[in-house]
Amino acid sequence: MNKLPLIDSHAHLEELEDLSESLREAKTAGVRGIIAVGMNIESNKRVLQITKENKGYVYPALGYHPWKIREEKV
């Protein structure tokens, strides 16, 4: 087990097929916290839900990836 506190500072948790298992594996590996990042409205909403369900372990970083920003067509 890692003796230094380890925090995953950039994780797209909303993209994982088995989030529960992935979080369990991270904890077992010694990860003390995860910063979940969003990149558009849908992923930001999911990140907020994940952080609500995993308080004290997963923290949100909301935003928009430049590739996801598009001008509306008129």
Protein backbone atom coordinates (compact mmCIF):
# COMPACT_ATOMS: atom_id res chain seq x y z
CA MET A 1 0.00 0.00 0.00
CA ASN A 2 1.16 3.51 -0.84
CA LYS A 3 2.45 5.36 2.24
CA LEU A 4 1.84 8.79 0.74
CA PRO A 5 -1.71 10.07 0.29
CA LEU A 6 -2.64 9.64 -3.36
CA ILE A 7 -5.38 11.69 -5.02
CA ASP A 8 -6.50 11.17 -8.61
CA SER A 9 -6.65 14.75 -9.85
CA HIS A 10 -8.43 14.18 -13.18
CA ALA A 11 -10.91 11.35 -13.65
CA HIS A 12 -13.86 11.04 -16.04
CA LEU A 13 -15.87 8.83 -13.69
CA GLU A 14 -19.08 9.34 -15.65
CA GLU A 15 -17.56 7.33 -18.50
CA LEU A 16 -16.88 4.17 -16.47
CA GLU A 17 -19.03 1.09 -17.08
CA ASP A 18 -18.79 -0.19 -13.50
CA LEU A 19 -18.30 2.87 -11.31
CA SER A 20 -18.82 1.03 -8.00
CA GLU A 21 -16.16 -1.55 -8.82
CA SER A 22 -13.73 1.10 -10.07
CA LEU A 23 -14.14 3.14 -6.88
CA ARG A 24 -13.65 0.02 -4.76
CA GLU A 25 -10.46 -0.84 -6.65
CA ALA A 26 -9.16 2.72 -6.26
CA LYS A 27 -9.74 2.62 -2.50
CA THR A 28 -8.06 -0.78 -2.25
CA ALA A 29 -5.06 0.60 -4.17
CA GLY A 30 -4.73 3.44 -1.65
CA VAL A 31 -6.34 6.31 -3.53
CA ARG A 32 -7.58 8.71 -0.84
CA GLY A 33 -9.73 10.91 -3.09
CA ILE A 34 -10.76 11.54 -6.67
CA ILE A 35 -11.46 14.77 -8.50
CA ALA A 36 -14.13 13.97 -11.07
CA VAL A 37 -14.13 16.28 -14.07
CA GLY A 38 -17.01 17.21 -16.33
CA MET A 39 -16.71 18.50 -19.87
CA ASN A 40 -20.25 19.46 -20.90
CA ILE A 41 -23.69 19.93 -19.34
CA GLU A 42 -24.56 16.23 -19.29
CA SER A 43 -21.26 15.07 -17.82
CA ASN A 44 -21.27 17.92 -15.26
CA LYS A 45 -24.71 16.81 -14.04
CA ARG A 46 -23.49 13.22 -13.73
CA VAL A 47 -20.33 14.34 -11.90
CA LEU A 48 -22.48 16.20 -9.37
CA GLN A 49 -24.57 13.07 -8.82
CA ILE A 50 -21.47 10.91 -8.38
CA THR A 51 -19.98 13.33 -5.85
CA LYS A 52 -23.27 13.44 -3.93
CA GLU A 53 -23.25 9.63 -3.73
CA ASN A 54 -19.56 9.51 -2.69
CA LYS A 55 -19.15 12.46 -0.29
CA GLY A 56 -15.72 12.79 1.21
CA TYR A 57 -14.11 10.71 -1.51
CA VAL A 58 -15.11 12.16 -4.91
CA TYR A 59 -14.96 15.92 -5.51
CA PRO A 60 -16.31 17.80 -8.57
CA ALA A 61 -14.44 19.91 -11.10
CA LEU A 62 -17.05 21.24 -13.50
CA GLY A 63 -16.27 22.80 -16.84
CA TYR A 64 -16.50 22.73 -20.59
CA HIS A 65 -13.90 21.10 -22.78
CA PRO A 66 -13.01 23.37 -25.71
CA TRP A 67 -13.89 20.56 -28.13
CA LYS A 68 -17.41 20.44 -26.67
CA ILE A 69 -18.17 24.15 -27.16
CA ARG A 70 -20.07 24.76 -30.39
CA GLU A 71 -21.82 27.78 -31.83
CA GLU A 72 -25.52 27.34 -32.35
CA LYS A 73 -26.61 27.18 -35.95
CA VAL A 74 -29.37 29.61 -36.90
